Amino acid sequence: MISVENFKLWYGDFQALKGITLEVPKNQVTAFIGPSGCGKSTLLRAMNRMCDFVGGVRHEGSIAIDGRDVFASDPNELRVAVGMVFQHPNPFPLSIRDNILYGPRRMRRISKAEGDEIVECSLRDAGLFDEVKDKLDQSGLGISGGQQQRLCIARALAVDPQVLLMDEPTSALDPISTGLVEELMLSLARERTVVVVTHNMQQATRVADRTAFFYLGELVEEGPTKRLFSDPREQRTQEYLTGRFG
């Protein structure tokens, strides 16, 4: 689904990514792990061109999603196909219903009946409908943090993306909410490609089919999660997994 070929990226004079080559398979969960500042979030954000919003960024190499060059695509169309969920919940200061319909309404005119269907389906896919079905016209800021994060996931799902990028989506959540979001990742990967950045290595073992380890802007090692954690092939991977650095 996602093909990264010799991808390099600079913020001004600082090189954040150094020749990354990586294949992300379709309908699986792929985790990016590594210490802070290693480039994993930068690569994630490059996949739907969030780095366009940062001044002084330049890049070389290619990223293709479903065969389409990311940097030759219309960025608005790209961000429909490639949804993003951030570290901290960021619902809009709108009702739960209007949060969900924000994206679809920007794409086309939505009838009330179609809107109701999109809202229910998106919230069900995010495992949230039963908890908020009587609060749809209340503010999305008035629900708990874990519910807000699942609302943001539902908002991303409302435009039916092929890929969902998740940048440390549970780091601000309590253990119960974290478990719900992890279950959601596994469920979503049945029909979508999920890429998650996480500092929680136990989380990677719970949810990811494949894991990629980054260090100082380099992709050190990538492979099936069980194999990478039980039998890492690179010394730096082994040292990171055993807590010797990072």
C-alpha atoms as a PDB file:
ATOM      1  CA  MET A   1       0.000   0.000   0.000  1.00  0.00           C
ATOM      2  CA  ILE A   2       2.799   2.456   0.885  1.00  0.00           C
ATOM      3  CA  SER A   3       6.156   2.375  -0.858  1.00  0.00           C
ATOM      4  CA  VAL A   4       8.994   4.590   0.391  1.00  0.00           C
ATOM      5  CA  GLU A   5      12.087   4.712  -1.817  1.00  0.00           C
ATOM      6  CA  ASN A   6      15.386   6.336  -0.715  1.00  0.00           C
ATOM      7  CA  PHE A   7      13.437   9.139   0.974  1.00  0.00           C
ATOM      8  CA  LYS A   8      15.389  11.988   2.540  1.00  0.00           C
ATOM      9  CA  LEU A   9      14.029  15.078   4.253  1.00  0.00           C
ATOM     10  CA  TRP A  10      15.632  18.233   5.639  1.00  0.00           C
ATOM     11  CA  TYR A  11      14.361  20.959   7.963  1.00  0.00           C
ATOM     12  CA  GLY A  12      16.619  23.757   6.787  1.00  0.00           C
ATOM     13  CA  ASP A  13      20.161  22.397   7.202  1.00  0.00           C
ATOM     14  CA  PHE A  14      19.120  19.563   9.516  1.00  0.00           C
ATOM     15  CA  GLN A  15      18.602  16.204   7.829  1.00  0.00           C
ATOM     16  CA  ALA A  16      15.774  14.438   9.629  1.00  0.00           C
ATOM     17  CA  LEU A  17      15.462  11.401   7.339  1.00  0.00           C
ATOM     18  CA  LYS A  18      18.376   9.648   5.651  1.00  0.00           C
ATOM     19  CA  GLY A  19      17.543   7.474   2.666  1.00  0.00           C
ATOM     20  CA  ILE A  20      14.512   5.582   4.021  1.00  0.00           C
ATOM     21  CA  THR A  21      13.348   2.621   1.925  1.00  0.00           C
ATOM     22  CA  LEU A  22      10.300   0.790   3.281  1.00  0.00           C
ATOM     23  CA  GLU A  23       7.253  -1.155   2.108  1.00  0.00           C
ATOM     24  CA  VAL A  24       4.092  -0.919   4.233  1.00  0.00           C
ATOM     25  CA  PRO A  25       1.680  -3.773   3.426  1.00  0.00           C
ATOM     26  CA  LYS A  26      -2.025  -3.301   2.840  1.00  0.00           C
ATOM     27  CA  ASN A  27      -4.608  -4.023   5.548  1.00  0.00           C
ATOM     28  CA  GLN A  28      -2.093  -4.491   8.326  1.00  0.00           C
ATOM     29  CA  VAL A  29      -0.890  -2.463  11.299  1.00  0.00           C
ATOM     30  CA  THR A  30       2.700  -1.258  10.962  1.00  0.00           C
ATOM     31  CA  ALA A  31       4.377   0.333  13.998  1.00  0.00           C
ATOM     32  CA  PHE A  32       7.231   2.843  13.909  1.00  0.00           C
ATOM     33  CA  ILE A  33       9.370   2.737  17.052  1.00  0.00           C
ATOM     34  CA  GLY A  34      12.540   4.498  18.162  1.00  0.00           C
ATOM     35  CA  PRO A  35      13.755   7.209  20.544  1.00  0.00           C
ATOM     36  CA  SER A  36      12.519  10.791  20.359  1.00  0.00           C
ATOM     37  CA  GLY A  37      13.917  12.710  17.404  1.00  0.00           C
ATOM     38  CA  CYS A  38      14.687   9.613  15.353  1.00  0.00           C
ATOM     39  CA  GLY A  39      12.473  10.600  12.388  1.00  0.00           C
ATOM     40  CA  LYS A  40       9.516   8.273  12.795  1.00  0.00           C
ATOM     41  CA  SER A  41       6.891  11.043  13.170  1.00  0.00           C
ATOM     42  CA  THR A  42       8.522  13.024  10.360  1.00  0.00           C
ATOM     43  CA  LEU A  43       8.107  10.082   7.987  1.00  0.00           C
ATOM     44  CA  LEU A  44       4.524   9.551   9.124  1.00  0.00           C
ATOM     45  CA  ARG A  45       3.658  13.202   8.470  1.00  0.00           C
ATOM     46  CA  ALA A  46       5.381  13.148   5.092  1.00  0.00           C
ATOM     47  CA  MET A  47       3.002  10.377   4.016  1.00  0.00           C
ATOM     48  CA  ASN A  48       0.124  12.845   3.808  1.00  0.00           C
ATOM     49  CA  ARG A  49       2.252  15.947   3.321  1.00  0.00           C
ATOM     50  CA  MET A  50       1.736  17.460   6.746  1.00  0.00           C
ATOM     51  CA  CYS A  51       5.350  18.603   6.429  1.00  0.00           C
ATOM     52  CA  ASP A  52       4.158  21.070   3.775  1.00  0.00           C
ATOM     53  CA  PHE A  53       3.078  23.297   6.652  1.00  0.00           C
ATOM     54  CA  VAL A  54       6.644  23.634   7.988  1.00  0.00           C
ATOM     55  CA  GLY A  55       8.884  26.271   6.455  1.00  0.00           C
ATOM     56  CA  GLY A  56      12.278  25.319   5.022  1.00  0.00           C
ATOM     57  CA  VAL A  57      11.432  21.675   4.346  1.00  0.00           C
ATOM     58  CA  ARG A  58      12.857  19.929   1.305  1.00  0.00           C
ATOM     59  CA  HIS A  59      12.979  16.282   0.337  1.00  0.00           C
ATOM     60  CA  GLU A  60      14.402  13.784  -2.127  1.00  0.00           C
ATOM     61  CA  GLY A  61      13.269  10.304  -3.077  1.00  0.00           C
ATOM     62  CA  SER A  62       9.685   9.147  -3.288  1.00  0.00           C
ATOM     63  CA  ILE A  63       6.653   8.043  -1.296  1.00  0.00           C
ATOM     64  CA  ALA A  64       3.842   6.320  -3.195  1.00  0.00           C
ATOM     65  CA  ILE A  65       0.496   5.251  -1.789  1.00  0.00           C
ATOM     66  CA  ASP A  66      -1.428   2.683  -3.799  1.00  0.00           C
ATOM     67  CA  GLY A  67       0.906   3.475  -6.699  1.00  0.00           C
ATOM     68  CA  ARG A  68       0.325   7.254  -6.605  1.00  0.00           C
ATOM     69  CA  ASP A  69       3.207   9.652  -5.963  1.00  0.00           C
ATOM     70  CA  VAL A  70       2.333  11.548  -2.780  1.00  0.00           C
ATOM     71  CA  PHE A  71       4.155  14.695  -3.832  1.00  0.00           C
ATOM     72  CA  ALA A  72       2.529  14.773  -7.274  1.00  0.00           C
ATOM     73  CA  SER A  73      -0.961  14.442  -5.779  1.00  0.00           C
ATOM     74  CA  ASP A  74      -3.357  17.202  -4.834  1.00  0.00           C
ATOM     75  CA  PRO A  75      -2.735  17.546  -1.077  1.00  0.00           C
ATOM     76  CA  ASN A  76      -6.429  17.922  -0.218  1.00  0.00           C
ATOM     77  CA  GLU A  77      -7.341  14.769  -2.161  1.00  0.00           C
ATOM     78  CA  LEU A  78      -4.378  12.992  -0.578  1.00  0.00           C
ATOM     79  CA  ARG A  79      -5.539  13.839   2.942  1.00  0.00           C
ATOM     80  CA  VAL A  80      -8.949  12.350   2.180  1.00  0.00           C
ATOM     81  CA  ALA A  81      -7.317   9.047   1.207  1.00  0.00           C
ATOM     82  CA  VAL A  82      -4.752   9.226   4.005  1.00  0.00           C
ATOM     83  CA  GLY A  83      -6.271  10.216   7.352  1.00  0.00           C
ATOM     84  CA  MET A  84      -4.287  11.437  10.354  1.00  0.00           C
ATOM     85  CA  VAL A  85      -4.824  11.086  14.104  1.00  0.00           C
ATOM     86  CA  PHE A  86      -2.561  13.079  16.390  1.00  0.00           C
ATOM     87  CA  GLN A  87      -1.016  12.549  19.816  1.00  0.00           C
ATOM     88  CA  HIS A  88      -3.467  14.762  21.678  1.00  0.00           C
ATOM     89  CA  PRO A  89      -7.223  14.658  20.952  1.00  0.00           C
ATOM     90  CA  ASN A  90      -8.160  17.691  18.857  1.00  0.00           C
ATOM     91  CA  PRO A  91     -11.930  17.764  18.303  1.00  0.00           C
ATOM     92  CA  PHE A  92     -13.227  20.924  16.691  1.00  0.00           C
ATOM     93  CA  PRO A  93     -15.302  23.280  18.903  1.00  0.00           C
ATOM     94  CA  LEU A  94     -18.432  21.931  17.232  1.00  0.00           C
ATOM     95  CA  SER A  95     -21.052  19.333  18.047  1.00  0.00           C
ATOM     96  CA  ILE A  96     -20.149  15.663  17.822  1.00  0.00           C
ATOM     97  CA  ARG A  97     -22.296  15.437  14.687  1.00  0.00           C
ATOM     98  CA  ASP A  98     -20.617  18.418  13.033  1.00  0.00           C
ATOM     99  CA  ASN A  99     -17.158  17.093  13.898  1.00  0.00           C
ATOM    100  CA  ILE A 100     -17.949  13.906  11.987  1.00  0.00           C
ATOM    101  CA  LEU A 101     -19.511  15.683   9.012  1.00  0.00           C
ATOM    102  CA  TYR A 102     -16.835  18.363   8.694  1.00  0.00           C
ATOM    103  CA  GLY A 103     -14.860  16.457   6.047  1.00  0.00           C
ATOM    104  CA  PRO A 104     -17.758  15.033   4.005  1.00  0.00           C
ATOM    105  CA  ARG A 105     -19.443  18.465   3.827  1.00  0.00           C
ATOM    106  CA  ARG A 106     -16.264  19.975   2.406  1.00  0.00           C
ATOM    107  CA  MET A 107     -16.281  17.362  -0.345  1.00  0.00           C
ATOM    108  CA  ARG A 108     -19.937  17.517  -1.456  1.00  0.00           C
ATOM    109  CA  ARG A 109     -23.475  18.399  -0.455  1.00  0.00           C
ATOM    110  CA  ILE A 110     -24.764  15.973   2.177  1.00  0.00           C
ATOM    111  CA  SER A 111     -28.466  15.272   2.740  1.00  0.00           C
ATOM    112  CA  LYS A 112     -29.728  14.853   6.297  1.00  0.00           C
ATOM    113  CA  ALA A 113     -30.342  11.153   5.781  1.00  0.00           C
ATOM    114  CA  GLU A 114     -26.873  10.596   4.333  1.00  0.00           C
ATOM    115  CA  GLY A 115     -25.365  12.677   7.111  1.00  0.00           C
ATOM    116  CA  ASP A 116     -27.107  10.603   9.762  1.00  0.00           C
ATOM    117  CA  GLU A 117     -25.774   7.425   8.160  1.00  0.00           C
ATOM    118  CA  ILE A 118     -22.210   8.764   7.971  1.00  0.00           C
ATOM    119  CA  VAL A 119     -22.329   9.863  11.612  1.00  0.00           C
ATOM    120  CA  GLU A 120     -23.618   6.534  12.873  1.00  0.00           C
ATOM    121  CA  CYS A 121     -21.309   4.397  10.730  1.00  0.00           C
ATOM    122  CA  SER A 122     -18.208   6.437  11.585  1.00  0.00           C
ATOM    123  CA  LEU A 123     -18.951   6.421  15.308  1.00  0.00           C
ATOM    124  CA  ARG A 124     -19.692   2.689  15.242  1.00  0.00           C
ATOM    125  CA  ASP A 125     -16.414   2.034  13.406  1.00  0.00           C
ATOM    126  CA  ALA A 126     -14.645   4.040  16.114  1.00  0.00           C
ATOM    127  CA  GLY A 127     -16.427   2.101  18.875  1.00  0.00           C
ATOM    128  CA  LEU A 128     -18.098   5.251  20.172  1.00  0.00           C
ATOM    129  CA  PHE A 129     -21.687   5.320  18.932  1.00  0.00           C
ATOM    130  CA  ASP A 130     -23.365   3.677  21.923  1.00  0.00           C
ATOM    131  CA  GLU A 131     -21.576   6.050  24.306  1.00  0.00           C
ATOM    132  CA  VAL A 132     -22.575   9.295  22.538  1.00  0.00           C
ATOM    133  CA  LYS A 133     -25.710   8.505  20.536  1.00  0.00           C
ATOM    134  CA  ASP A 134     -27.782  10.714  22.843  1.00  0.00           C
ATOM    135  CA  LYS A 135     -25.205  13.541  22.769  1.00  0.00           C
ATOM    136  CA  LEU A 136     -24.709  14.074  19.035  1.00  0.00           C
ATOM    137  CA  ASP A 137     -25.706  17.739  19.191  1.00  0.00           C
ATOM    138  CA  GLN A 138     -23.516  18.447  22.214  1.00  0.00           C
ATOM    139  CA  SER A 139     -19.972  19.791  21.924  1.00  0.00           C
ATOM    140  CA  GLY A 140     -17.218  17.338  21.085  1.00  0.00           C
ATOM    141  CA  LEU A 141     -15.173  19.105  23.762  1.00  0.00           C
ATOM    142  CA  GLY A 142     -17.589  17.949  26.476  1.00  0.00           C
ATOM    143  CA  ILE A 143     -16.720  14.244  26.430  1.00  0.00           C
ATOM    144  CA  SER A 144     -13.784  12.471  28.091  1.00  0.00           C
ATOM    145  CA  GLY A 145     -10.264  12.491  26.662  1.00  0.00           C
ATOM    146  CA  GLY A 146     -10.475   8.893  25.504  1.00  0.00           C
ATOM    147  CA  GLN A 147     -13.827   9.551  23.865  1.00  0.00           C
ATOM    148  CA  GLN A 148     -12.426  12.684  22.220  1.00  0.00           C
ATOM    149  CA  GLN A 149      -9.611  10.652  20.677  1.00  0.00           C
ATOM    150  CA  ARG A 150     -12.084   8.105  19.308  1.00  0.00           C
ATOM    151  CA  LEU A 151     -14.179  11.010  18.011  1.00  0.00           C
ATOM    152  CA  CYS A 152     -11.116  12.242  16.124  1.00  0.00           C
ATOM    153  CA  ILE A 153     -10.661   8.744  14.701  1.00  0.00           C
ATOM    154  CA  ALA A 154     -14.340   8.701  13.673  1.00  0.00           C
ATOM    155  CA  ARG A 155     -13.903  12.124  12.054  1.00  0.00           C
ATOM    156  CA  ALA A 156     -10.985  10.747  10.021  1.00  0.00           C
ATOM    157  CA  LEU A 157     -12.996   7.661   9.041  1.00  0.00           C
ATOM    158  CA  ALA A 158     -15.985   9.736   7.839  1.00  0.00           C
ATOM    159  CA  VAL A 159     -14.285  10.370   4.467  1.00  0.00           C
ATOM    160  CA  ASP A 160     -13.445   6.653   4.089  1.00  0.00           C
ATOM    161  CA  PRO A 161      -9.624   6.823   3.920  1.00  0.00           C
ATOM    162  CA  GLN A 162      -7.545   3.961   2.559  1.00  0.00           C
ATOM    163  CA  VAL A 163      -4.790   4.639   5.090  1.00  0.00           C
ATOM    164  CA  LEU A 164      -4.940   5.843   8.694  1.00  0.00           C
ATOM    165  CA  LEU A 165      -1.802   7.394  10.179  1.00  0.00           C
ATOM    166  CA  MET A 166      -1.693   7.561  13.984  1.00  0.00           C
ATOM    167  CA  ASP A 167       0.995   9.584  15.758  1.00  0.00           C
ATOM    168  CA  GLU A 168       1.235   8.299  19.359  1.00  0.00           C
ATOM    169  CA  PRO A 169      -2.575   8.183  19.570  1.00  0.00           C
ATOM    170  CA  THR A 170      -2.709   6.797  23.123  1.00  0.00           C
ATOM    171  CA  SER A 171       0.132   8.661  24.852  1.00  0.00           C
ATOM    172  CA  ALA A 172      -2.298  11.083  26.532  1.00  0.00           C
ATOM    173  CA  LEU A 173      -4.884   8.436  27.468  1.00  0.00           C
ATOM    174  CA  ASP A 174      -5.558   6.318  30.539  1.00  0.00           C
ATOM    175  CA  PRO A 175      -5.073   2.513  30.362  1.00  0.00           C
ATOM    176  CA  ILE A 176      -8.756   1.762  29.701  1.00  0.00           C
ATOM    177  CA  SER A 177      -8.987   4.262  26.834  1.00  0.00           C
ATOM    178  CA  THR A 178      -5.645   2.999  25.499  1.00  0.00           C
ATOM    179  CA  GLY A 179      -7.046  -0.525  25.366  1.00  0.00           C
ATOM    180  CA  LEU A 180     -10.109   0.648  23.475  1.00  0.00           C
ATOM    181  CA  VAL A 181      -8.008   2.492  20.887  1.00  0.00           C
ATOM    182  CA  GLU A 182      -5.722  -0.538  20.477  1.00  0.00           C
ATOM    183  CA  GLU A 183      -8.739  -2.779  19.857  1.00  0.00           C
ATOM    184  CA  LEU A 184      -9.903  -0.199  17.343  1.00  0.00           C
ATOM    185  CA  MET A 185      -6.581  -0.300  15.466  1.00  0.00           C
ATOM    186  CA  LEU A 186      -6.864  -4.053  15.066  1.00  0.00           C
ATOM    187  CA  SER A 187     -10.450  -3.762  13.865  1.00  0.00           C
ATOM    188  CA  LEU A 188      -9.679  -0.984  11.361  1.00  0.00           C
ATOM    189  CA  ALA A 189      -6.827  -2.952   9.805  1.00  0.00           C
ATOM    190  CA  ARG A 190      -9.311  -5.462   8.435  1.00  0.00           C
ATOM    191  CA  GLU A 191     -10.269  -2.909   5.784  1.00  0.00           C
ATOM    192  CA  ARG A 192      -7.581  -0.207   6.000  1.00  0.00           C
ATOM    193  CA  THR A 193      -3.843   0.175   6.262  1.00  0.00           C
ATOM    194  CA  VAL A 194      -2.837   1.518   9.680  1.00  0.00           C
ATOM    195  CA  VAL A 195       0.554   3.048  10.510  1.00  0.00           C
ATOM    196  CA  VAL A 196       1.153   3.967  14.146  1.00  0.00           C
ATOM    197  CA  VAL A 197       4.063   5.788  15.779  1.00  0.00           C
ATOM    198  CA  THR A 198       4.512   4.637  19.355  1.00  0.00           C
ATOM    199  CA  HIS A 199       7.025   4.939  22.184  1.00  0.00           C
ATOM    200  CA  ASN A 200       5.268   2.062  23.926  1.00  0.00           C
ATOM    201  CA  MET A 201       7.034  -1.087  22.775  1.00  0.00           C
ATOM    202  CA  GLN A 202       4.456  -3.295  24.501  1.00  0.00           C
ATOM    203  CA  GLN A 203       1.813  -1.570  22.420  1.00  0.00           C
ATOM    204  CA  ALA A 204       3.710  -2.417  19.237  1.00  0.00           C
ATOM    205  CA  THR A 205       3.779  -6.094  20.232  1.00  0.00           C
ATOM    206  CA  ARG A 206       0.039  -6.022  20.939  1.00  0.00           C
ATOM    207  CA  VAL A 207      -1.221  -4.341  17.777  1.00  0.00           C
ATOM    208  CA  ALA A 208       1.382  -4.375  15.004  1.00  0.00           C
ATOM    209  CA  ASP A 209       1.828  -7.003  12.307  1.00  0.00           C
ATOM    210  CA  ARG A 210       5.145  -5.388  11.350  1.00  0.00           C
ATOM    211  CA  THR A 211       7.476  -3.002  13.179  1.00  0.00           C
ATOM    212  CA  ALA A 212      10.136  -0.604  11.899  1.00  0.00           C
ATOM    213  CA  PHE A 213      12.890   0.692  14.198  1.00  0.00           C
ATOM    214  CA  PHE A 214      14.327   4.156  13.488  1.00  0.00           C
ATOM    215  CA  TYR A 215      17.425   5.776  14.938  1.00  0.00           C
ATOM    216  CA  LEU A 216      18.950   9.185  14.117  1.00  0.00           C
ATOM    217  CA  GLY A 217      16.975   9.517  10.896  1.00  0.00           C
ATOM    218  CA  GLU A 218      17.806   6.034   9.633  1.00  0.00           C
ATOM    219  CA  LEU A 219      15.641   2.949   9.268  1.00  0.00           C
ATOM    220  CA  VAL A 220      17.742   0.436  11.189  1.00  0.00           C
ATOM    221  CA  GLU A 221      15.531  -2.635  10.907  1.00  0.00           C
ATOM    222  CA  GLU A 222      12.041  -3.651   9.815  1.00  0.00           C
ATOM    223  CA  GLY A 223      10.169  -6.920   9.859  1.00  0.00           C
ATOM    224  CA  PRO A 224       7.387  -8.989  11.412  1.00  0.00           C
ATOM    225  CA  THR A 225       6.835  -7.723  14.941  1.00  0.00           C
ATOM    226  CA  LYS A 226       7.257 -11.066  16.690  1.00  0.00           C
ATOM    227  CA  ARG A 227      10.552 -11.726  14.907  1.00  0.00           C
ATOM    228  CA  LEU A 228      11.927  -8.216  15.428  1.00  0.00           C
ATOM    229  CA  PHE A 229      11.262  -8.286  19.172  1.00  0.00           C
ATOM    230  CA  SER A 230      12.380 -11.872  19.765  1.00  0.00           C
ATOM    231  CA  ASP A 231      15.346 -12.026  17.379  1.00  0.00           C
ATOM    232  CA  PRO A 232      16.525  -8.571  16.240  1.00  0.00           C
ATOM    233  CA  ARG A 233      19.163  -8.734  13.516  1.00  0.00           C
ATOM    234  CA  GLU A 234      20.826  -5.392  14.221  1.00  0.00           C
ATOM    235  CA  GLN A 235      22.798  -4.602  17.384  1.00  0.00           C
ATOM    236  CA  ARG A 236      21.231  -1.131  17.680  1.00  0.00           C
ATOM    237  CA  THR A 237      17.769  -2.696  17.612  1.00  0.00           C
ATOM    238  CA  GLN A 238      18.710  -5.140  20.339  1.00  0.00           C
ATOM    239  CA  GLU A 239      20.223  -2.386  22.478  1.00  0.00           C
ATOM    240  CA  TYR A 240      17.116  -0.216  22.144  1.00  0.00           C
ATOM    241  CA  LEU A 241      14.714  -3.060  22.908  1.00  0.00           C
ATOM    242  CA  THR A 242      16.710  -4.033  26.004  1.00  0.00           C
ATOM    243  CA  GLY A 243      16.782  -0.444  27.295  1.00  0.00           C
ATOM    244  CA  ARG A 244      20.492   0.252  26.766  1.00  0.00           C
ATOM    245  CA  PHE A 245      19.727   3.551  25.064  1.00  0.00           C
ATOM    246  CA  GLY A 246      16.772   5.723  23.985  1.00  0.00           C
END
